[in-house]
PDB file of N, CA and C in Angstrom:
ATOM      1  N   SER A   1       2.677  -1.007 -11.985  1.00  0.00           N
ATOM      2  CA  SER A   1       3.784  -0.539 -11.173  1.00  0.00           C
ATOM      3  C   SER A   1       3.742  -1.253  -9.817  1.00  0.00           C
ATOM      4  N   PRO A   2       4.878  -1.432  -9.177  1.00  0.00           N
ATOM      5  CA  PRO A   2       4.914  -2.129  -7.887  1.00  0.00           C
ATOM      6  C   PRO A   2       4.039  -1.457  -6.826  1.00  0.00           C
ATOM      7  N   ASP A   3       4.035  -0.128  -6.803  1.00  0.00           N
ATOM      8  CA  ASP A   3       3.232   0.580  -5.806  1.00  0.00           C
ATOM      9  C   ASP A   3       1.743   0.353  -6.027  1.00  0.00           C
ATOM     10  N   PHE A   4       1.317   0.393  -7.262  1.00  0.00           N
ATOM     11  CA  PHE A   4      -0.099   0.208  -7.569  1.00  0.00           C
ATOM     12  C   PHE A   4      -0.526  -1.221  -7.233  1.00  0.00           C
ATOM     13  N   ASN A   5       0.314  -2.192  -7.567  1.00  0.00           N
ATOM     14  CA  ASN A   5       0.012  -3.588  -7.225  1.00  0.00           C
ATOM     15  C   ASN A   5      -0.045  -3.782  -5.710  1.00  0.00           C
ATOM     16  N   TYR A   6       0.841  -3.090  -4.992  1.00  0.00           N
ATOM     17  CA  TYR A   6       0.839  -3.145  -3.529  1.00  0.00           C
ATOM     18  C   TYR A   6      -0.483  -2.605  -2.982  1.00  0.00           C
ATOM     19  N   LEU A   7      -0.942  -1.479  -3.520  1.00  0.00           N
ATOM     20  CA  LEU A   7      -2.217  -0.906  -3.088  1.00  0.00           C
ATOM     21  C   LEU A   7      -3.382  -1.849  -3.376  1.00  0.00           C
ATOM     22  N   LEU A   8      -3.366  -2.475  -4.546  1.00  0.00           N
ATOM     23  CA  LEU A   8      -4.424  -3.440  -4.871  1.00  0.00           C
ATOM     24  C   LEU A   8      -4.417  -4.610  -3.883  1.00  0.00           C
ATOM     25  N   GLY A   9      -3.228  -5.053  -3.508  1.00  0.00           N
ATOM     26  CA  GLY A   9      -3.114  -6.128  -2.519  1.00  0.00           C
ATOM     27  C   GLY A   9      -3.653  -5.704  -1.162  1.00  0.00           C
ATOM     28  N   GLN A  10      -3.359  -4.469  -0.766  1.00  0.00           N
ATOM     29  CA  GLN A  10      -3.887  -3.954   0.499  1.00  0.00           C
ATOM     30  C   GLN A  10      -5.408  -3.906   0.470  1.00  0.00           C
ATOM     31  N   ILE A  11      -5.955  -3.467  -0.628  1.00  0.00           N
ATOM     32  CA  ILE A  11      -7.412  -3.401  -0.758  1.00  0.00           C
ATOM     33  C   ILE A  11      -8.007  -4.798  -0.639  1.00  0.00           C
ATOM     34  N   GLU A  12      -7.387  -5.769  -1.290  1.00  0.00           N
ATOM     35  CA  GLU A  12      -7.889  -7.146  -1.243  1.00  0.00           C
ATOM     36  C   GLU A  12      -7.803  -7.712   0.177  1.00  0.00           C
ATOM     37  N   ARG A  13      -6.679  -7.469   0.877  1.00  0.00           N
ATOM     38  CA  ARG A  13      -6.544  -7.958   2.249  1.00  0.00           C
ATOM     39  C   ARG A  13      -7.586  -7.309   3.159  1.00  0.00           C
ATOM     40  N   THR A  14      -7.837  -6.029   2.973  1.00  0.00           N
ATOM     41  CA  THR A  14      -8.847  -5.327   3.764  1.00  0.00           C
ATOM     42  C   THR A  14     -10.235  -5.879   3.476  1.00  0.00           C
ATOM     43  N   ARG A  15     -10.519  -6.135   2.217  1.00  0.00           N
ATOM     44  CA  ARG A  15     -11.820  -6.689   1.831  1.00  0.00           C
ATOM     45  C   ARG A  15     -12.035  -8.057   2.492  1.00  0.00           C
ATOM     46  N   GLU A  16     -10.994  -8.887   2.492  1.00  0.00           N
ATOM     47  CA  GLU A  16     -11.112 -10.205   3.115  1.00  0.00           C
ATOM     48  C   GLU A  16     -11.405 -10.084   4.609  1.00  0.00           C
ATOM     49  N   LEU A  17     -10.746  -9.140   5.281  1.00  0.00           N
ATOM     50  CA  LEU A  17     -10.991  -8.951   6.710  1.00  0.00           C
ATOM     51  C   LEU A  17     -12.412  -8.474   6.980  1.00  0.00           C
ATOM     52  N   ARG A  18     -12.910  -7.592   6.139  1.00  0.00           N
ATOM     53  CA  ARG A  18     -14.268  -7.070   6.326  1.00  0.00           C
ATOM     54  C   ARG A  18     -15.333  -8.121   6.056  1.00  0.00           C
ATOM     55  N   GLU A  19     -15.043  -9.062   5.177  1.00  0.00           N
ATOM     56  CA  GLU A  19     -16.022 -10.082   4.810  1.00  0.00           C
ATOM     57  C   GLU A  19     -16.067 -11.247   5.797  1.00  0.00           C
ATOM     58  N   ARG A  20     -15.150 -11.250   6.751  1.00  0.00           N
ATOM     59  CA  ARG A  20     -15.160 -12.316   7.750  1.00  0.00           C
ATOM     60  C   ARG A  20     -16.444 -12.243   8.558  1.00  0.00           C
ATOM     61  N   GLU A  21     -17.047 -13.386   8.766  1.00  0.00           N
ATOM     62  CA  GLU A  21     -18.299 -13.435   9.511  1.00  0.00           C
ATOM     63  C   GLU A  21     -18.100 -13.894  10.945  1.00  0.00           C
ATOM     64  N   GLU A  22     -16.939 -14.442  11.247  1.00  0.00           N
ATOM     65  CA  GLU A  22     -16.656 -14.911  12.596  1.00  0.00           C
ATOM     66  C   GLU A  22     -15.344 -14.319  13.072  1.00  0.00           C
ATOM     67  N   ILE A  23     -15.355 -13.902  14.336  1.00  0.00           N
ATOM     68  CA  ILE A  23     -14.143 -13.377  14.953  1.00  0.00           C
ATOM     69  C   ILE A  23     -13.957 -14.109  16.271  1.00  0.00           C
ATOM     70  N   SER A  24     -12.771 -14.620  16.485  1.00  0.00           N
ATOM     71  CA  SER A  24     -12.496 -15.372  17.697  1.00  0.00           C
ATOM     72  C   SER A  24     -12.373 -14.436  18.895  1.00  0.00           C
ATOM     73  N   LEU A  25     -12.798 -14.917  20.043  1.00  0.00           N
ATOM     74  CA  LEU A  25     -12.634 -14.180  21.294  1.00  0.00           C
ATOM     75  C   LEU A  25     -11.470 -14.743  22.103  1.00  0.00           C
ATOM     76  N   ASN A  26     -10.898 -15.830  21.632  1.00  0.00           N
ATOM     77  CA  ASN A  26      -9.761 -16.451  22.291  1.00  0.00           C
ATOM     78  C   ASN A  26      -8.529 -15.575  22.077  1.00  0.00           C
ATOM     79  N   GLU A  27      -7.904 -15.156  23.173  1.00  0.00           N
ATOM     80  CA  GLU A  27      -6.775 -14.232  23.098  1.00  0.00           C
ATOM     81  C   GLU A  27      -5.613 -14.802  22.286  1.00  0.00           C
ATOM     82  N   VAL A  28      -5.337 -16.076  22.444  1.00  0.00           N
ATOM     83  CA  VAL A  28      -4.233 -16.706  21.715  1.00  0.00           C
ATOM     84  C   VAL A  28      -4.515 -16.685  20.212  1.00  0.00           C
ATOM     85  N   VAL A  29      -5.744 -17.007  19.845  1.00  0.00           N
ATOM     86  CA  VAL A  29      -6.117 -17.025  18.428  1.00  0.00           C
ATOM     87  C   VAL A  29      -6.067 -15.614  17.851  1.00  0.00           C
ATOM     88  N   VAL A  30      -6.560 -14.638  18.603  1.00  0.00           N
ATOM     89  CA  VAL A  30      -6.554 -13.244  18.139  1.00  0.00           C
ATOM     90  C   VAL A  30      -5.123 -12.765  17.924  1.00  0.00           C
ATOM     91  N   LYS A  31      -4.234 -13.076  18.870  1.00  0.00           N
ATOM     92  CA  LYS A  31      -2.829 -12.670  18.722  1.00  0.00           C
ATOM     93  C   LYS A  31      -2.191 -13.336  17.508  1.00  0.00           C
ATOM     94  N   GLN A  32      -2.510 -14.620  17.284  1.00  0.00           N
ATOM     95  CA  GLN A  32      -1.950 -15.330  16.127  1.00  0.00           C
ATOM     96  C   GLN A  32      -2.462 -14.735  14.825  1.00  0.00           C
ATOM     97  N   GLU A  33      -3.759 -14.424  14.774  1.00  0.00           N
ATOM     98  CA  GLU A  33      -4.325 -13.806  13.569  1.00  0.00           C
ATOM     99  C   GLU A  33      -3.696 -12.439  13.317  1.00  0.00           C
ATOM    100  N   ARG A  34      -3.496 -11.679  14.378  1.00  0.00           N
ATOM    101  CA  ARG A  34      -2.877 -10.359  14.245  1.00  0.00           C
ATOM    102  C   ARG A  34      -1.441 -10.489  13.742  1.00  0.00           C
ATOM    103  N   GLU A  35      -0.721 -11.466  14.282  1.00  0.00           N
ATOM    104  CA  GLU A  35       0.663 -11.697  13.858  1.00  0.00           C
ATOM    105  C   GLU A  35       0.707 -12.151  12.394  1.00  0.00           C
ATOM    106  N   ASP A  36      -0.221 -13.017  12.001  1.00  0.00           N
ATOM    107  CA  ASP A  36      -0.281 -13.477  10.609  1.00  0.00           C
ATOM    108  C   ASP A  36      -0.560 -12.313   9.658  1.00  0.00           C
ATOM    109  N   ALA A  37      -1.485 -11.439  10.049  1.00  0.00           N
ATOM    110  CA  ALA A  37      -1.808 -10.278   9.214  1.00  0.00           C
ATOM    111  C   ALA A  37      -0.610  -9.341   9.120  1.00  0.00           C
ATOM    112  N   ARG A  38       0.080  -9.167  10.245  1.00  0.00           N
ATOM    113  CA  ARG A  38       1.264  -8.306  10.262  1.00  0.00           C
ATOM    114  C   ARG A  38       2.360  -8.876   9.356  1.00  0.00           C
ATOM    115  N   LYS A  39       2.532 -10.190   9.405  1.00  0.00           N
ATOM    116  CA  LYS A  39       3.551 -10.860   8.578  1.00  0.00           C
ATOM    117  C   LYS A  39       3.188 -10.743   7.096  1.00  0.00           C
ATOM    118  N   GLU A  40       1.915 -10.923   6.765  1.00  0.00           N
ATOM    119  CA  GLU A  40       1.476 -10.821   5.371  1.00  0.00           C
ATOM    120  C   GLU A  40       1.702  -9.399   4.839  1.00  0.00           C
ATOM    121  N   GLU A  41       1.391  -8.400   5.653  1.00  0.00           N
ATOM    122  CA  GLU A  41       1.601  -7.007   5.259  1.00  0.00           C
ATOM    123  C   GLU A  41       3.098  -6.717   5.095  1.00  0.00           C
ATOM    124  N   PHE A  42       3.909  -7.255   6.002  1.00  0.00           N
ATOM    125  CA  PHE A  42       5.357  -7.082   5.927  1.00  0.00           C
ATOM    126  C   PHE A  42       5.913  -7.687   4.634  1.00  0.00           C
ATOM    127  N   GLU A  43       5.464  -8.898   4.307  1.00  0.00           N
ATOM    128  CA  GLU A  43       5.942  -9.559   3.089  1.00  0.00           C
ATOM    129  C   GLU A  43       5.522  -8.799   1.838  1.00  0.00           C
ATOM    130  N   ALA A  44       4.313  -8.246   1.845  1.00  0.00           N
ATOM    131  CA  ALA A  44       3.850  -7.453   0.701  1.00  0.00           C
ATOM    132  C   ALA A  44       4.697  -6.188   0.554  1.00  0.00           C
ATOM    133  N   GLU A  45       5.008  -5.551   1.673  1.00  0.00           N
ATOM    134  CA  GLU A  45       5.837  -4.337   1.642  1.00  0.00           C
ATOM    135  C   GLU A  45       7.239  -4.665   1.133  1.00  0.00           C
ATOM    136  N   ASN A  46       7.818  -5.767   1.595  1.00  0.00           N
ATOM    137  CA  ASN A  46       9.152  -6.145   1.129  1.00  0.00           C
ATOM    138  C   ASN A  46       9.148  -6.523  -0.346  1.00  0.00           C
ATOM    139  N   MET A  47       8.065  -7.122  -0.834  1.00  0.00           N
ATOM    140  CA  MET A  47       7.954  -7.442  -2.261  1.00  0.00           C
ATOM    141  C   MET A  47       7.940  -6.144  -3.070  1.00  0.00           C
ATOM    142  N   ARG A  48       7.176  -5.168  -2.592  1.00  0.00           N
ATOM    143  CA  ARG A  48       7.116  -3.871  -3.267  1.00  0.00           C
ATOM    144  C   ARG A  48       8.498  -3.231  -3.291  1.00  0.00           C
ATOM    145  N   ARG A  49       9.194  -3.295  -2.161  1.00  0.00           N
ATOM    146  CA  ARG A  49      10.528  -2.695  -2.073  1.00  0.00           C
ATOM    147  C   ARG A  49      11.508  -3.416  -3.004  1.00  0.00           C
ATOM    148  N   ALA A  50      11.413  -4.747  -3.071  1.00  0.00           N
ATOM    149  CA  ALA A  50      12.307  -5.519  -3.937  1.00  0.00           C
ATOM    150  C   ALA A  50      12.075  -5.162  -5.400  1.00  0.00           C
ATOM    151  N   LEU A  51      10.813  -5.043  -5.797  1.00  0.00           N
ATOM    152  CA  LEU A  51      10.501  -4.711  -7.191  1.00  0.00           C
ATOM    153  C   LEU A  51      10.964  -3.306  -7.564  1.00  0.00           C
ATOM    154  N   LYS A  52      11.041  -2.431  -6.571  1.00  0.00           N
ATOM    155  CA  LYS A  52      11.495  -1.064  -6.831  1.00  0.00           C
ATOM    156  C   LYS A  52      13.006  -0.913  -6.657  1.00  0.00           C
ATOM    157  N   GLY A  53      13.678  -1.994  -6.232  1.00  0.00           N
ATOM    158  CA  GLY A  53      15.121  -1.937  -6.040  1.00  0.00           C
ATOM    159  C   GLY A  53      15.520  -1.257  -4.743  1.00  0.00           C
ATOM    160  N   LEU A  54      14.613  -1.198  -3.783  1.00  0.00           N
ATOM    161  CA  LEU A  54      14.897  -0.586  -2.487  1.00  0.00           C
ATOM    162  C   LEU A  54      15.387  -1.657  -1.517  1.00  0.00           C
ATOM    163  N   PRO A  55      16.119  -1.254  -0.469  1.00  0.00           N
ATOM    164  CA  PRO A  55      16.579  -2.249   0.509  1.00  0.00           C
ATOM    165  C   PRO A  55      15.396  -2.854   1.269  1.00  0.00           C
ATOM    166  N   LEU A  56      15.507  -4.149   1.547  1.00  0.00           N
ATOM    167  CA  LEU A  56      14.439  -4.852   2.258  1.00  0.00           C
ATOM    168  C   LEU A  56      14.536  -4.579   3.753  1.00  0.00           C
ATOM    169  N   GLU A  57      13.410  -4.658   4.434  1.00  0.00           N
ATOM    170  CA  GLU A  57      13.384  -4.465   5.874  1.00  0.00           C
ATOM    171  C   GLU A  57      13.463  -5.822   6.557  1.00  0.00           C
ATOM    172  N   GLU A  58      13.885  -5.817   7.827  1.00  0.00           N
ATOM    173  CA  GLU A  58      13.990  -7.059   8.579  1.00  0.00           C
ATOM    174  C   GLU A  58      12.743  -7.257   9.423  1.00  0.00           C
ATOM    175  N   TRP A  59      12.318  -8.512   9.522  1.00  0.00           N
ATOM    176  CA  TRP A  59      11.134  -8.858  10.307  1.00  0.00           C
ATOM    177  C   TRP A  59      11.445  -8.707  11.795  1.00  0.00           C
ATOM    178  N   VAL A  60      10.536  -8.093  12.535  1.00  0.00           N
ATOM    179  CA  VAL A  60      10.654  -7.949  13.979  1.00  0.00           C
ATOM    180  C   VAL A  60       9.537  -8.774  14.599  1.00  0.00           C
ATOM    181  N   GLU A  61       9.919  -9.725  15.450  1.00  0.00           N
ATOM    182  CA  GLU A  61       8.914 -10.580  16.089  1.00  0.00           C
ATOM    183  C   GLU A  61       7.985  -9.743  16.950  1.00  0.00           C
ATOM    184  N   ASP A  62       6.771 -10.214  17.117  1.00  0.00           N
ATOM    185  CA  ASP A  62       5.746  -9.496  17.877  1.00  0.00           C
ATOM    186  C   ASP A  62       6.192  -9.239  19.310  1.00  0.00           C
ATOM    187  N   GLU A  63       6.924 -10.188  19.921  1.00  0.00           N
ATOM    188  CA  GLU A  63       7.387 -10.013  21.291  1.00  0.00           C
ATOM    189  C   GLU A  63       8.385  -8.868  21.384  1.00  0.00           C
ATOM    190  N   ASP A  64       9.136  -8.643  20.299  1.00  0.00           N
ATOM    191  CA  ASP A  64      10.139  -7.587  20.294  1.00  0.00           C
ATOM    192  C   ASP A  64       9.522  -6.209  20.131  1.00  0.00           C
ATOM    193  N   VAL A  65       8.278  -6.151  19.694  1.00  0.00           N
ATOM    194  CA  VAL A  65       7.614  -4.874  19.470  1.00  0.00           C
ATOM    195  C   VAL A  65       6.946  -4.453  20.764  1.00  0.00           C
ATOM    196  N   ASP A  66       7.306  -3.290  21.252  1.00  0.00           N
ATOM    197  CA  ASP A  66       6.725  -2.758  22.477  1.00  0.00           C
ATOM    198  C   ASP A  66       5.351  -2.188  22.157  1.00  0.00           C
ATOM    199  N   GLU A  67       4.289  -2.821  22.689  1.00  0.00           N
ATOM    200  CA  GLU A  67       2.936  -2.388  22.363  1.00  0.00           C
ATOM    201  C   GLU A  67       2.669  -0.963  22.826  1.00  0.00           C
ATOM    202  N   ASP A  68       3.283  -0.539  23.947  1.00  0.00           N
ATOM    203  CA  ASP A  68       3.082   0.828  24.421  1.00  0.00           C
ATOM    204  C   ASP A  68       3.649   1.832  23.434  1.00  0.00           C
ATOM    205  N   SER A  69       4.800   1.517  22.855  1.00  0.00           N
ATOM    206  CA  SER A  69       5.390   2.447  21.887  1.00  0.00           C
ATOM    207  C   SER A  69       4.564   2.484  20.613  1.00  0.00           C
ATOM    208  N   LEU A  70       3.964   1.341  20.241  1.00  0.00           N
ATOM    209  CA  LEU A  70       3.097   1.322  19.066  1.00  0.00           C
ATOM    210  C   LEU A  70       1.853   2.164  19.303  1.00  0.00           C
ATOM    211  N   ALA A  71       1.260   2.040  20.474  1.00  0.00           N
ATOM    212  CA  ALA A  71       0.050   2.799  20.780  1.00  0.00           C
ATOM    213  C   ALA A  71       0.340   4.292  20.802  1.00  0.00           C
ATOM    214  N   SER A  72       1.462   4.680  21.390  1.00  0.00           N
ATOM    215  CA  SER A  72       1.774   6.109  21.450  1.00  0.00           C
ATOM    216  C   SER A  72       2.137   6.650  20.077  1.00  0.00           C
ATOM    217  N   SER A  73       2.804   5.848  19.255  1.00  0.00           N
ATOM    218  CA  SER A  73       3.157   6.331  17.919  1.00  0.00           C
ATOM    219  C   SER A  73       1.930   6.431  17.032  1.00  0.00           C
ATOM    220  N   ASP A  74       0.922   5.575  17.266  1.00  0.00           N
ATOM    221  CA  ASP A  74      -0.308   5.652  16.487  1.00  0.00           C
ATOM    222  C   ASP A  74      -1.102   6.900  16.822  1.00  0.00           C
ATOM    223  N   SER A  75      -1.068   7.312  18.093  1.00  0.00           N
ATOM    224  CA  SER A  75      -1.882   8.447  18.504  1.00  0.00           C
ATOM    225  C   SER A  75      -1.218   9.785  18.189  1.00  0.00           C
ATOM    226  N   GLU A  76       0.083   9.789  17.992  1.00  0.00           N
ATOM    227  CA  GLU A  76       0.777  11.035  17.685  1.00  0.00           C
ATOM    228  C   GLU A  76       0.679  11.331  16.198  1.00  0.00           C
ATOM    229  N   VAL A  77       0.387  12.584  15.896  1.00  0.00           N
ATOM    230  CA  VAL A  77       0.331  13.013  14.506  1.00  0.00           C
ATOM    231  C   VAL A  77       1.532  13.907  14.266  1.00  0.00           C
ATOM    232  N   ILE A  78       2.336  13.530  13.311  1.00  0.00           N
ATOM    233  CA  ILE A  78       3.529  14.309  12.985  1.00  0.00           C
ATOM    234  C   ILE A  78       3.260  15.052  11.700  1.00  0.00           C
ATOM    235  N   GLU A  79       3.354  16.354  11.766  1.00  0.00           N
ATOM    236  CA  GLU A  79       3.124  17.181  10.587  1.00  0.00           C
ATOM    237  C   GLU A  79       4.342  17.111   9.676  1.00  0.00           C
ATOM    238  N   PRO A  80       4.158  16.790   8.418  1.00  0.00           N
ATOM    239  CA  PRO A  80       5.289  16.739   7.493  1.00  0.00           C
ATOM    240  C   PRO A  80       5.797  18.143   7.180  1.00  0.00           C
ATOM    241  N   GLU A  81       7.109  18.228   7.021  1.00  0.00           N
ATOM    242  CA  GLU A  81       7.706  19.500   6.644  1.00  0.00           C
ATOM    243  C   GLU A  81       7.763  19.576   5.129  1.00  0.00           C
ATOM    244  N   GLU A  82       7.551  20.770   4.592  1.00  0.00           N
ATOM    245  CA  GLU A  82       7.638  20.959   3.145  1.00  0.00           C
ATOM    246  C   GLU A  82       9.112  21.009   2.752  1.00  0.00           C
ATOM    247  N   ASN A  83       9.524  20.113   1.907  1.00  0.00           N
ATOM    248  CA  ASN A  83      10.878  20.135   1.370  1.00  0.00           C
ATOM    249  C   ASN A  83      10.877  19.396   0.043  1.00  0.00           C
ATOM    250  N   GLU A  84      12.066  19.203  -0.503  1.00  0.00           N
ATOM    251  CA  GLU A  84      12.167  18.558  -1.810  1.00  0.00           C
ATOM    252  C   GLU A  84      11.680  17.114  -1.773  1.00  0.00           C
ATOM    253  N   GLU A  85      11.883  16.424  -0.637  1.00  0.00           N
ATOM    254  CA  GLU A  85      11.454  15.028  -0.548  1.00  0.00           C
ATOM    255  C   GLU A  85       9.956  14.899  -0.731  1.00  0.00           C
ATOM    256  N   ASP A  86       9.178  15.838  -0.179  1.00  0.00           N
ATOM    257  CA  ASP A  86       7.726  15.783  -0.322  1.00  0.00           C
ATOM    258  C   ASP A  86       7.319  15.898  -1.777  1.00  0.00           C
ATOM    259  N   SER A  87       7.959  16.786  -2.519  1.00  0.00           N
ATOM    260  CA  SER A  87       7.602  16.921  -3.925  1.00  0.00           C
ATOM    261  C   SER A  87       8.022  15.679  -4.706  1.00  0.00           C
ATOM    262  N   ASP A  88       9.143  15.053  -4.307  1.00  0.00           N
ATOM    263  CA  ASP A  88       9.558  13.807  -4.951  1.00  0.00           C
ATOM    264  C   ASP A  88       8.557  12.695  -4.653  1.00  0.00           C
ATOM    265  N   LEU A  89       8.051  12.656  -3.415  1.00  0.00           N
ATOM    266  CA  LEU A  89       7.072  11.634  -3.056  1.00  0.00           C
ATOM    267  C   LEU A  89       5.795  11.803  -3.855  1.00  0.00           C
ATOM    268  N   GLU A  90       5.373  13.040  -4.072  1.00  0.00           N
ATOM    269  CA  GLU A  90       4.172  13.280  -4.859  1.00  0.00           C
ATOM    270  C   GLU A  90       4.356  12.790  -6.289  1.00  0.00           C
ATOM    271  N   GLU A  91       5.558  12.949  -6.827  1.00  0.00           N
ATOM    272  CA  GLU A  91       5.825  12.493  -8.187  1.00  0.00           C
ATOM    273  C   GLU A  91       5.778  10.971  -8.270  1.00  0.00           C
ATOM    274  N   ASP A  92       6.107  10.289  -7.174  1.00  0.00           N
ATOM    275  CA  ASP A  92       6.130   8.828  -7.165  1.00  0.00           C
ATOM    276  C   ASP A  92       4.827   8.225  -6.659  1.00  0.00           C
ATOM    277  N   ASP A  93       3.804   9.028  -6.445  1.00  0.00           N
ATOM    278  CA  ASP A  93       2.519   8.532  -5.951  1.00  0.00           C
ATOM    279  C   ASP A  93       1.929   7.572  -6.981  1.00  0.00           C
ATOM    280  N   PRO A  94       1.718   6.308  -6.608  1.00  0.00           N
ATOM    281  CA  PRO A  94       1.245   5.321  -7.588  1.00  0.00           C
ATOM    282  C   PRO A  94      -0.123   5.658  -8.164  1.00  0.00           C
ATOM    283  N   LEU A  95      -0.982   6.265  -7.383  1.00  0.00           N
ATOM    284  CA  LEU A  95      -2.306   6.614  -7.903  1.00  0.00           C
ATOM    285  C   LEU A  95      -2.210   7.715  -8.950  1.00  0.00           C
ATOM    286  N   ILE A  96      -1.340   8.684  -8.710  1.00  0.00           N
ATOM    287  CA  ILE A  96      -1.152   9.757  -9.690  1.00  0.00           C
ATOM    288  C   ILE A  96      -0.530   9.197 -10.961  1.00  0.00           C
ATOM    289  N   LEU A  97       0.476   8.332 -10.801  1.00  0.00           N
ATOM    290  CA  LEU A  97       1.130   7.739 -11.972  1.00  0.00           C
ATOM    291  C   LEU A  97       0.146   6.904 -12.785  1.00  0.00           C
ATOM    292  N   GLU A  98      -0.640   6.068 -12.109  1.00  0.00           N
ATOM    293  CA  GLU A  98      -1.597   5.217 -12.826  1.00  0.00           C
ATOM    294  C   GLU A  98      -2.683   6.065 -13.475  1.00  0.00           C
ATOM    295  N   SER A  99      -3.131   7.113 -12.792  1.00  0.00           N
ATOM    296  CA  SER A  99      -4.134   8.017 -13.378  1.00  0.00           C
ATOM    297  C   SER A  99      -3.588   8.677 -14.637  1.00  0.00           C
ATOM    298  N   GLY A 100      -2.321   9.063 -14.590  1.00  0.00           N
ATOM    299  CA  GLY A 100      -1.692   9.663 -15.763  1.00  0.00           C
ATOM    300  C   GLY A 100      -1.620   8.697 -16.931  1.00  0.00           C
ATOM    301  N   ARG A 101      -1.303   7.437 -16.628  1.00  0.00           N
ATOM    302  CA  ARG A 101      -1.245   6.425 -17.694  1.00  0.00           C
ATOM    303  C   ARG A 101      -2.622   6.201 -18.315  1.00  0.00           C
ATOM    304  N   ILE A 102      -3.641   6.152 -17.470  1.00  0.00           N
ATOM    305  CA  ILE A 102      -5.009   5.967 -17.973  1.00  0.00           C
ATOM    306  C   ILE A 102      -5.411   7.148 -18.843  1.00  0.00           C
ATOM    307  N   LEU A 103      -5.091   8.360 -18.390  1.00  0.00           N
ATOM    308  CA  LEU A 103      -5.423   9.557 -19.158  1.00  0.00           C
ATOM    309  C   LEU A 103      -4.687   9.566 -20.497  1.00  0.00           C
ATOM    310  N   ALA A 104      -3.411   9.181 -20.487  1.00  0.00           N
ATOM    311  CA  ALA A 104      -2.640   9.137 -21.731  1.00  0.00           C
ATOM    312  C   ALA A 104      -3.237   8.118 -22.703  1.00  0.00           C
ATOM    313  N   ASP A 105      -3.632   6.955 -22.182  1.00  0.00           N
ATOM    314  CA  ASP A 105      -4.278   5.947 -23.037  1.00  0.00           C
ATOM    315  C   ASP A 105      -5.585   6.477 -23.614  1.00  0.00           C
ATOM    316  N   TYR A 106      -6.363   7.155 -22.796  1.00  0.00           N
ATOM    317  CA  TYR A 106      -7.640   7.707 -23.250  1.00  0.00           C
ATOM    318  C   TYR A 106      -7.418   8.731 -24.365  1.00  0.00           C
ATOM    319  N   ILE A 107      -6.445   9.618 -24.157  1.00  0.00           N
ATOM    320  CA  ILE A 107      -6.154  10.641 -25.169  1.00  0.00           C
ATOM    321  C   ILE A 107      -5.691   9.977 -26.459  1.00  0.00           C
ATOM    322  N   ASN A 108      -4.830   8.969 -26.330  1.00  0.00           N
ATOM    323  CA  ASN A 108      -4.317   8.252 -27.496  1.00  0.00           C
ATOM    324  C   ASN A 108      -5.454   7.564 -28.255  1.00  0.00           C
ATOM    325  N   LEU A 109      -6.312   6.857 -27.534  1.00  0.00           N
ATOM    326  CA  LEU A 109      -7.431   6.164 -28.182  1.00  0.00           C
ATOM    327  C   LEU A 109      -8.434   7.148 -28.771  1.00  0.00           C
ATOM    328  N   ASN A 110      -8.701   8.221 -28.067  1.00  0.00           N
ATOM    329  CA  ASN A 110      -9.644   9.222 -28.546  1.00  0.00           C
ATOM    330  C   ASN A 110      -9.089   9.924 -29.793  1.00  0.00           C
ATOM    331  N   GLY A 111      -7.782  10.147 -29.840  1.00  0.00           N
ATOM    332  CA  GLY A 111      -7.151  10.766 -31.002  1.00  0.00           C
ATOM    333  C   GLY A 111      -7.248   9.880 -32.224  1.00  0.00           C
ATOM    334  N   ARG A 112      -7.117   8.557 -32.029  1.00  0.00           N
ATOM    335  CA  ARG A 112      -7.240   7.614 -33.146  1.00  0.00           C
ATOM    336  C   ARG A 112      -8.658   7.630 -33.699  1.00  0.00           C
ATOM    337  N   ARG A 113      -9.634   7.718 -32.818  1.00  0.00           N
ATOM    338  CA  ARG A 113     -11.022   7.725 -33.239  1.00  0.00           C
ATOM    339  C   ARG A 113     -11.323   8.982 -34.060  1.00  0.00           C
ATOM    340  N   VAL A 114     -10.788  10.127 -33.640  1.00  0.00           N
ATOM    341  CA  VAL A 114     -11.021  11.382 -34.352  1.00  0.00           C
ATOM    342  C   VAL A 114     -10.347  11.343 -35.715  1.00  0.00           C
ATOM    343  N   SER A 115      -9.102  10.821 -35.777  1.00  0.00           N
ATOM    344  CA  SER A 115      -8.392  10.788 -37.056  1.00  0.00           C
ATOM    345  C   SER A 115      -9.049   9.811 -38.033  1.00  0.00           C
ATOM    346  N   SER A 116      -9.567   8.686 -37.539  1.00  0.00           N
ATOM    347  CA  SER A 116     -10.228   7.748 -38.448  1.00  0.00           C
ATOM    348  C   SER A 116     -11.584   8.292 -38.902  1.00  0.00           C
ATOM    349  N   ALA A 117     -12.223   9.117 -38.099  1.00  0.00           N
ATOM    350  CA  ALA A 117     -13.498   9.725 -38.493  1.00  0.00           C
ATOM    351  C   ALA A 117     -13.281  10.796 -39.561  1.00  0.00           C
ATOM    352  N   ASN A 118     -12.127  11.448 -39.552  1.00  0.00           N
ATOM    353  CA  ASN A 118     -11.818  12.489 -40.534  1.00  0.00           C
ATOM    354  C   ASN A 118     -11.461  11.899 -41.897  1.00  0.00           C
ATOM    355  N   ASN A 119     -11.096  10.635 -41.952  1.00  0.00           N
ATOM    356  CA  ASN A 119     -10.691  10.006 -43.221  1.00  0.00           C
ATOM    357  C   ASN A 119     -11.848   9.590 -44.014  1.00  0.00           C
TER     358      ASN A 119
END
């Protein structure tokens, strides 16, 4: 599923960042690396949206992003309200969907083994 593939890509990108042995102290290089990572994440998100038939988002240049607003939005925690959208989101959770597929495959394979043992 597109969501599951997106999560796998995020895990891989995170793993690559953690395995880096050198980090630049040059401000220009750090900003460029941050912008590159942001662009890669944006492209992955748009690929996921395209595969799901959702509208694509537009790229916003780093200069256009107000760092103060980003910092304040990161520190604020917004409690989700319980409504129908939340239950719909839970149904579309890629981990739950993939877990269900794995469980269905296991049951199917296990059922075949039991039926062939009875013959």
